[in-house]
Amino acid sequence: MRRDVLYYVADPMCSWCWGFSPVLEAVSGVLPDEIPIRHVMGGLARDSEEPMPEDTRAYVQSQWRQVAERTGAKFNWDFWTDCEPRRSTYPACRSVIAAGMQRPEGTGEMFQAIQRAYYLEARNPSDVETLVQLAGELNLDTRRFSEDLVSAHTDELLHKDFELRRTLHADKFPTMILEHDDNQFWLAYGYDDEDLVVDLLTSALLS
């Protein structure tokens, strides 16, 4: 019999995942303690040192507006003038994994810290310096974190997440899938509202 688990397939630099944060929190409040939440890194954009092209900047900004309108999520638009945006989310994904290597709760803590830094504090999670600063703010061992962030092992774990994402057929972010009593229940495929997701979870747990 497989162990029950809730898969949360997301990317910390995905604006729809930011809008989904209250839904994730509500789900966490309903989910039984014995069912863990497994963050599966989505990997929206590969490593890049190139400035974000103008058409990509326009697209991402349009997504921010849609997320704000649909979910009420707040965004700090100073990011676009104070930072040099790059289309690169793999470093942020690796940092979530690296934080989890130090303590189990570090995974969720770093995921949320990146979202706050990016969307509310106008800090760039594509930059290693930002990620190391966040590790320090979470009272992680920053020397170990810095080493893990660029290690081959962490990159291997990231690509294992990609394999799991493909196995789950989760090609939209966020996606939330519950495995319970050897059954699989899809709770969200892309952004869905809190009431719907929580109702689906409650029904799945009672089934």
C-alpha atoms as a PDB file:
ATOM      1  CA  MET A   1       0.000   0.000   0.000  1.00  0.00           C
ATOM      2  CA  ARG A   2       1.381   3.372  -1.003  1.00  0.00           C
ATOM      3  CA  ARG A   3       1.826   6.099   1.564  1.00  0.00           C
ATOM      4  CA  ASP A   4      -0.731   8.893   1.400  1.00  0.00           C
ATOM      5  CA  VAL A   5       0.707  12.181   0.132  1.00  0.00           C
ATOM      6  CA  LEU A   6      -0.457  15.502  -1.274  1.00  0.00           C
ATOM      7  CA  TYR A   7       1.583  16.562  -4.299  1.00  0.00           C
ATOM      8  CA  TYR A   8       1.850  20.299  -4.846  1.00  0.00           C
ATOM      9  CA  VAL A   9       3.401  20.879  -8.261  1.00  0.00           C
ATOM     10  CA  ALA A  10       4.476  24.489  -8.488  1.00  0.00           C
ATOM     11  CA  ASP A  11       7.280  26.942  -9.121  1.00  0.00           C
ATOM     12  CA  PRO A  12       8.144  29.592  -6.514  1.00  0.00           C
ATOM     13  CA  MET A  13       8.388  32.207  -9.284  1.00  0.00           C
ATOM     14  CA  CYS A  14       5.017  31.292 -10.827  1.00  0.00           C
ATOM     15  CA  SER A  15       2.598  34.182 -10.284  1.00  0.00           C
ATOM     16  CA  TRP A  16      -0.446  31.882 -10.336  1.00  0.00           C
ATOM     17  CA  CYS A  17       1.193  29.862  -7.548  1.00  0.00           C
ATOM     18  CA  TRP A  18       1.540  33.114  -5.603  1.00  0.00           C
ATOM     19  CA  GLY A  19      -2.167  33.744  -6.093  1.00  0.00           C
ATOM     20  CA  PHE A  20      -2.807  30.169  -4.944  1.00  0.00           C
ATOM     21  CA  SER A  21      -1.009  30.714  -1.610  1.00  0.00           C
ATOM     22  CA  PRO A  22      -4.198  31.241   0.438  1.00  0.00           C
ATOM     23  CA  VAL A  23      -5.647  28.068  -1.085  1.00  0.00           C
ATOM     24  CA  LEU A  24      -2.544  26.109  -0.107  1.00  0.00           C
ATOM     25  CA  GLU A  25      -2.820  27.496   3.423  1.00  0.00           C
ATOM     26  CA  ALA A  26      -6.491  26.496   3.636  1.00  0.00           C
ATOM     27  CA  VAL A  27      -5.684  23.007   2.382  1.00  0.00           C
ATOM     28  CA  SER A  28      -2.915  22.706   4.965  1.00  0.00           C
ATOM     29  CA  GLY A  29      -5.458  23.504   7.654  1.00  0.00           C
ATOM     30  CA  VAL A  30      -7.784  20.702   6.553  1.00  0.00           C
ATOM     31  CA  LEU A  31      -5.226  18.045   5.620  1.00  0.00           C
ATOM     32  CA  PRO A  32      -4.664  15.401   8.328  1.00  0.00           C
ATOM     33  CA  ASP A  33      -1.261  15.660  10.012  1.00  0.00           C
ATOM     34  CA  GLU A  34      -0.255  12.212   8.801  1.00  0.00           C
ATOM     35  CA  ILE A  35      -0.512  13.235   5.132  1.00  0.00           C
ATOM     36  CA  PRO A  36       2.554  15.262   4.116  1.00  0.00           C
ATOM     37  CA  ILE A  37       2.617  17.953   1.451  1.00  0.00           C
ATOM     38  CA  ARG A  38       5.256  17.106  -1.145  1.00  0.00           C
ATOM     39  CA  HIS A  39       6.417  20.193  -3.030  1.00  0.00           C
ATOM     40  CA  VAL A  40       7.312  19.184  -6.592  1.00  0.00           C
ATOM     41  CA  MET A  41       9.342  21.841  -8.373  1.00  0.00           C
ATOM     42  CA  GLY A  42       7.920  22.797 -11.740  1.00  0.00           C
ATOM     43  CA  GLY A  43      10.899  24.496 -13.349  1.00  0.00           C
ATOM     44  CA  LEU A  44       9.284  27.237 -15.399  1.00  0.00           C
ATOM     45  CA  ALA A  45      12.499  28.591 -16.901  1.00  0.00           C
ATOM     46  CA  ARG A  46      16.028  27.244 -17.319  1.00  0.00           C
ATOM     47  CA  ASP A  47      19.206  28.853 -15.998  1.00  0.00           C
ATOM     48  CA  SER A  48      19.977  32.092 -17.808  1.00  0.00           C
ATOM     49  CA  GLU A  49      22.125  35.159 -17.231  1.00  0.00           C
ATOM     50  CA  GLU A  50      20.447  37.055 -20.068  1.00  0.00           C
ATOM     51  CA  PRO A  51      18.183  40.020 -19.295  1.00  0.00           C
ATOM     52  CA  MET A  52      14.519  39.239 -19.813  1.00  0.00           C
ATOM     53  CA  PRO A  53      13.443  40.242 -23.347  1.00  0.00           C
ATOM     54  CA  GLU A  54      10.880  43.002 -23.642  1.00  0.00           C
ATOM     55  CA  ASP A  55       8.163  40.703 -25.003  1.00  0.00           C
ATOM     56  CA  THR A  56       8.688  38.309 -22.086  1.00  0.00           C
ATOM     57  CA  ARG A  57       8.581  41.202 -19.610  1.00  0.00           C
ATOM     58  CA  ALA A  58       5.262  42.288 -21.115  1.00  0.00           C
ATOM     59  CA  TYR A  59       3.898  38.743 -20.897  1.00  0.00           C
ATOM     60  CA  VAL A  60       4.922  38.245 -17.261  1.00  0.00           C
ATOM     61  CA  GLN A  61       3.518  41.638 -16.281  1.00  0.00           C
ATOM     62  CA  SER A  62       0.224  40.753 -17.968  1.00  0.00           C
ATOM     63  CA  GLN A  63       0.132  37.555 -15.914  1.00  0.00           C
ATOM     64  CA  TRP A  64       0.667  39.561 -12.726  1.00  0.00           C
ATOM     65  CA  ARG A  65      -2.328  41.734 -13.627  1.00  0.00           C
ATOM     66  CA  GLN A  66      -4.502  38.691 -14.330  1.00  0.00           C
ATOM     67  CA  VAL A  67      -3.486  37.026 -11.075  1.00  0.00           C
ATOM     68  CA  ALA A  68      -4.168  40.192  -9.093  1.00  0.00           C
ATOM     69  CA  GLU A  69      -7.601  40.570 -10.691  1.00  0.00           C
ATOM     70  CA  ARG A  70      -8.580  36.909 -10.253  1.00  0.00           C
ATOM     71  CA  THR A  71      -7.130  36.202  -6.794  1.00  0.00           C
ATOM     72  CA  GLY A  72      -6.599  39.551  -5.088  1.00  0.00           C
ATOM     73  CA  ALA A  73      -2.873  38.811  -4.677  1.00  0.00           C
ATOM     74  CA  LYS A  74      -0.625  41.826  -4.082  1.00  0.00           C
ATOM     75  CA  PHE A  75       2.392  42.646  -6.251  1.00  0.00           C
ATOM     76  CA  ASN A  76       5.223  45.127  -5.768  1.00  0.00           C
ATOM     77  CA  TRP A  77       5.771  46.604  -9.199  1.00  0.00           C
ATOM     78  CA  ASP A  78       9.050  48.189  -8.108  1.00  0.00           C
ATOM     79  CA  PHE A  79      10.589  44.849  -9.073  1.00  0.00           C
ATOM     80  CA  TRP A  80      10.551  45.903 -12.714  1.00  0.00           C
ATOM     81  CA  THR A  81      12.590  49.045 -12.080  1.00  0.00           C
ATOM     82  CA  ASP A  82      14.720  48.030  -9.083  1.00  0.00           C
ATOM     83  CA  CYS A  83      15.866  44.630 -10.423  1.00  0.00           C
ATOM     84  CA  GLU A  84      17.216  43.245 -13.663  1.00  0.00           C
ATOM     85  CA  PRO A  85      14.661  40.522 -14.455  1.00  0.00           C
ATOM     86  CA  ARG A  86      15.841  37.274 -16.018  1.00  0.00           C
ATOM     87  CA  ARG A  87      13.701  34.408 -17.263  1.00  0.00           C
ATOM     88  CA  SER A  88      15.356  31.916 -14.907  1.00  0.00           C
ATOM     89  CA  THR A  89      13.509  30.019 -12.166  1.00  0.00           C
ATOM     90  CA  TYR A  90      15.717  26.924 -11.800  1.00  0.00           C
ATOM     91  CA  PRO A  91      17.910  28.592  -9.123  1.00  0.00           C
ATOM     92  CA  ALA A  92      14.823  29.334  -7.018  1.00  0.00           C
ATOM     93  CA  CYS A  93      13.612  25.757  -7.460  1.00  0.00           C
ATOM     94  CA  ARG A  94      17.005  24.414  -6.398  1.00  0.00           C
ATOM     95  CA  SER A  95      16.984  26.648  -3.342  1.00  0.00           C
ATOM     96  CA  VAL A  96      13.699  25.119  -2.170  1.00  0.00           C
ATOM     97  CA  ILE A  97      15.293  21.680  -2.447  1.00  0.00           C
ATOM     98  CA  ALA A  98      18.494  22.838  -0.743  1.00  0.00           C
ATOM     99  CA  ALA A  99      16.525  24.289   2.176  1.00  0.00           C
ATOM    100  CA  GLY A 100      14.663  21.012   2.570  1.00  0.00           C
ATOM    101  CA  MET A 101      17.978  19.177   2.767  1.00  0.00           C
ATOM    102  CA  GLN A 102      18.739  21.047   5.995  1.00  0.00           C
ATOM    103  CA  ARG A 103      15.355  20.528   7.647  1.00  0.00           C
ATOM    104  CA  PRO A 104      12.079  19.041   6.368  1.00  0.00           C
ATOM    105  CA  GLU A 105      10.044  22.181   6.952  1.00  0.00           C
ATOM    106  CA  GLY A 106      12.670  24.196   5.084  1.00  0.00           C
ATOM    107  CA  THR A 107      11.076  23.254   1.776  1.00  0.00           C
ATOM    108  CA  GLY A 108       7.838  25.094   2.413  1.00  0.00           C
ATOM    109  CA  GLU A 109       9.592  27.890   4.302  1.00  0.00           C
ATOM    110  CA  MET A 110      11.911  28.671   1.400  1.00  0.00           C
ATOM    111  CA  PHE A 111       9.113  28.392  -1.150  1.00  0.00           C
ATOM    112  CA  GLN A 112       7.134  31.022   0.750  1.00  0.00           C
ATOM    113  CA  ALA A 113      10.200  33.188   1.418  1.00  0.00           C
ATOM    114  CA  ILE A 114      10.968  33.338  -2.306  1.00  0.00           C
ATOM    115  CA  GLN A 115       7.394  34.321  -3.100  1.00  0.00           C
ATOM    116  CA  ARG A 116       7.412  37.113  -0.512  1.00  0.00           C
ATOM    117  CA  ALA A 117      10.792  38.381  -1.685  1.00  0.00           C
ATOM    118  CA  TYR A 118       9.802  38.346  -5.343  1.00  0.00           C
ATOM    119  CA  TYR A 119       6.247  39.615  -5.250  1.00  0.00           C
ATOM    120  CA  LEU A 120       6.164  41.851  -2.160  1.00  0.00           C
ATOM    121  CA  GLU A 121       9.751  43.000  -1.556  1.00  0.00           C
ATOM    122  CA  ALA A 122      10.952  43.526  -5.158  1.00  0.00           C
ATOM    123  CA  ARG A 123      13.951  41.210  -4.704  1.00  0.00           C
ATOM    124  CA  ASN A 124      15.163  38.969  -7.518  1.00  0.00           C
ATOM    125  CA  PRO A 125      15.115  35.209  -6.764  1.00  0.00           C
ATOM    126  CA  SER A 126      16.940  34.543 -10.033  1.00  0.00           C
ATOM    127  CA  ASP A 127      20.034  35.923  -8.250  1.00  0.00           C
ATOM    128  CA  VAL A 128      22.036  33.577  -6.047  1.00  0.00           C
ATOM    129  CA  GLU A 129      22.757  36.458  -3.666  1.00  0.00           C
ATOM    130  CA  THR A 130      19.043  36.879  -2.955  1.00  0.00           C
ATOM    131  CA  LEU A 131      18.583  33.168  -2.329  1.00  0.00           C
ATOM    132  CA  VAL A 132      21.512  33.033   0.117  1.00  0.00           C
ATOM    133  CA  GLN A 133      20.122  36.071   1.931  1.00  0.00           C
ATOM    134  CA  LEU A 134      16.771  34.307   2.272  1.00  0.00           C
ATOM    135  CA  ALA A 135      18.509  31.206   3.629  1.00  0.00           C
ATOM    136  CA  GLY A 136      20.103  33.377   6.308  1.00  0.00           C
ATOM    137  CA  GLU A 137      16.759  34.948   7.154  1.00  0.00           C
ATOM    138  CA  LEU A 138      15.394  31.430   7.653  1.00  0.00           C
ATOM    139  CA  ASN A 139      18.302  30.642  10.001  1.00  0.00           C
ATOM    140  CA  LEU A 140      19.721  28.028   7.667  1.00  0.00           C
ATOM    141  CA  ASP A 141      23.434  27.280   7.458  1.00  0.00           C
ATOM    142  CA  THR A 142      24.262  29.674   4.626  1.00  0.00           C
ATOM    143  CA  ARG A 143      27.634  28.110   3.841  1.00  0.00           C
ATOM    144  CA  ARG A 144      26.101  24.692   3.410  1.00  0.00           C
ATOM    145  CA  PHE A 145      23.161  26.204   1.540  1.00  0.00           C
ATOM    146  CA  SER A 146      25.480  28.007  -0.887  1.00  0.00           C
ATOM    147  CA  GLU A 147      27.306  24.750  -1.606  1.00  0.00           C
ATOM    148  CA  ASP A 148      24.107  22.727  -1.966  1.00  0.00           C
ATOM    149  CA  LEU A 149      22.541  25.335  -4.243  1.00  0.00           C
ATOM    150  CA  VAL A 150      25.104  24.688  -6.985  1.00  0.00           C
ATOM    151  CA  SER A 151      25.822  21.015  -6.292  1.00  0.00           C
ATOM    152  CA  ALA A 152      25.276  18.244  -8.822  1.00  0.00           C
ATOM    153  CA  HIS A 153      23.220  16.371  -6.228  1.00  0.00           C
ATOM    154  CA  THR A 154      20.708  19.197  -5.857  1.00  0.00           C
ATOM    155  CA  ASP A 155      20.425  19.520  -9.629  1.00  0.00           C
ATOM    156  CA  GLU A 156      19.812  15.768  -9.822  1.00  0.00           C
ATOM    157  CA  LEU A 157      17.010  16.097  -7.261  1.00  0.00           C
ATOM    158  CA  LEU A 158      15.520  18.950  -9.289  1.00  0.00           C
ATOM    159  CA  HIS A 159      15.413  16.805 -12.401  1.00  0.00           C
ATOM    160  CA  LYS A 160      13.857  13.973 -10.393  1.00  0.00           C
ATOM    161  CA  ASP A 161      11.104  16.441  -9.532  1.00  0.00           C
ATOM    162  CA  PHE A 162      10.689  17.109 -13.248  1.00  0.00           C
ATOM    163  CA  GLU A 163      10.382  13.357 -13.845  1.00  0.00           C
ATOM    164  CA  LEU A 164       7.745  13.093 -11.114  1.00  0.00           C
ATOM    165  CA  ARG A 165       5.885  16.054 -12.582  1.00  0.00           C
ATOM    166  CA  ARG A 166       5.784  14.307 -15.957  1.00  0.00           C
ATOM    167  CA  THR A 167       4.701  11.021 -14.362  1.00  0.00           C
ATOM    168  CA  LEU A 168       1.842  12.858 -12.668  1.00  0.00           C
ATOM    169  CA  HIS A 169       0.950  14.570 -15.988  1.00  0.00           C
ATOM    170  CA  ALA A 170       1.016  17.868 -14.112  1.00  0.00           C
ATOM    171  CA  ASP A 171       1.798  20.328 -16.894  1.00  0.00           C
ATOM    172  CA  LYS A 172       0.052  23.341 -15.354  1.00  0.00           C
ATOM    173  CA  PHE A 173       1.142  25.265 -12.282  1.00  0.00           C
ATOM    174  CA  PRO A 174      -0.151  25.031  -9.680  1.00  0.00           C
ATOM    175  CA  THR A 175      -1.391  21.453  -9.711  1.00  0.00           C
ATOM    176  CA  MET A 176      -2.511  19.680  -6.545  1.00  0.00           C
ATOM    177  CA  ILE A 177      -2.992  15.915  -6.441  1.00  0.00           C
ATOM    178  CA  LEU A 178      -3.906  13.801  -3.426  1.00  0.00           C
ATOM    179  CA  GLU A 179      -2.895  10.154  -3.224  1.00  0.00           C
ATOM    180  CA  HIS A 180      -5.078   8.575  -0.562  1.00  0.00           C
ATOM    181  CA  ASP A 181      -5.900   4.926   0.115  1.00  0.00           C
ATOM    182  CA  ASP A 182      -4.268   3.926  -3.183  1.00  0.00           C
ATOM    183  CA  ASN A 183      -6.495   6.336  -5.129  1.00  0.00           C
ATOM    184  CA  GLN A 184      -5.520   9.551  -6.884  1.00  0.00           C
ATOM    185  CA  PHE A 185      -7.621  12.700  -6.603  1.00  0.00           C
ATOM    186  CA  TRP A 186      -6.976  15.851  -8.641  1.00  0.00           C
ATOM    187  CA  LEU A 187      -7.753  18.869  -6.466  1.00  0.00           C
ATOM    188  CA  ALA A 188      -6.427  21.627  -8.745  1.00  0.00           C
ATOM    189  CA  TYR A 189      -5.119  21.744 -12.302  1.00  0.00           C
ATOM    190  CA  GLY A 190      -3.975  25.297 -12.717  1.00  0.00           C
ATOM    191  CA  TYR A 191      -5.442  27.918 -10.404  1.00  0.00           C
ATOM    192  CA  ASP A 192      -8.760  27.036  -8.752  1.00  0.00           C
ATOM    193  CA  ASP A 193     -10.666  28.826  -6.004  1.00  0.00           C
ATOM    194  CA  GLU A 194     -10.309  27.893  -2.345  1.00  0.00           C
ATOM    195  CA  ASP A 195     -13.856  26.634  -1.803  1.00  0.00           C
ATOM    196  CA  LEU A 196     -13.668  24.235  -4.736  1.00  0.00           C
ATOM    197  CA  VAL A 197     -10.264  22.839  -3.794  1.00  0.00           C
ATOM    198  CA  VAL A 198     -11.131  22.381  -0.119  1.00  0.00           C
ATOM    199  CA  ASP A 199     -14.452  20.724  -1.026  1.00  0.00           C
ATOM    200  CA  LEU A 200     -12.663  18.305  -3.356  1.00  0.00           C
ATOM    201  CA  LEU A 201     -10.109  17.511  -0.642  1.00  0.00           C
ATOM    202  CA  THR A 202     -12.792  16.925   1.992  1.00  0.00           C
ATOM    203  CA  SER A 203     -14.714  14.630  -0.352  1.00  0.00           C
ATOM    204  CA  ALA A 204     -11.556  12.706  -1.248  1.00  0.00           C
ATOM    205  CA  LEU A 205     -10.675  12.148   2.405  1.00  0.00           C
ATOM    206  CA  LEU A 206     -14.159  10.796   3.097  1.00  0.00           C
ATOM    207  CA  SER A 207     -14.247   8.509   0.067  1.00  0.00           C
END
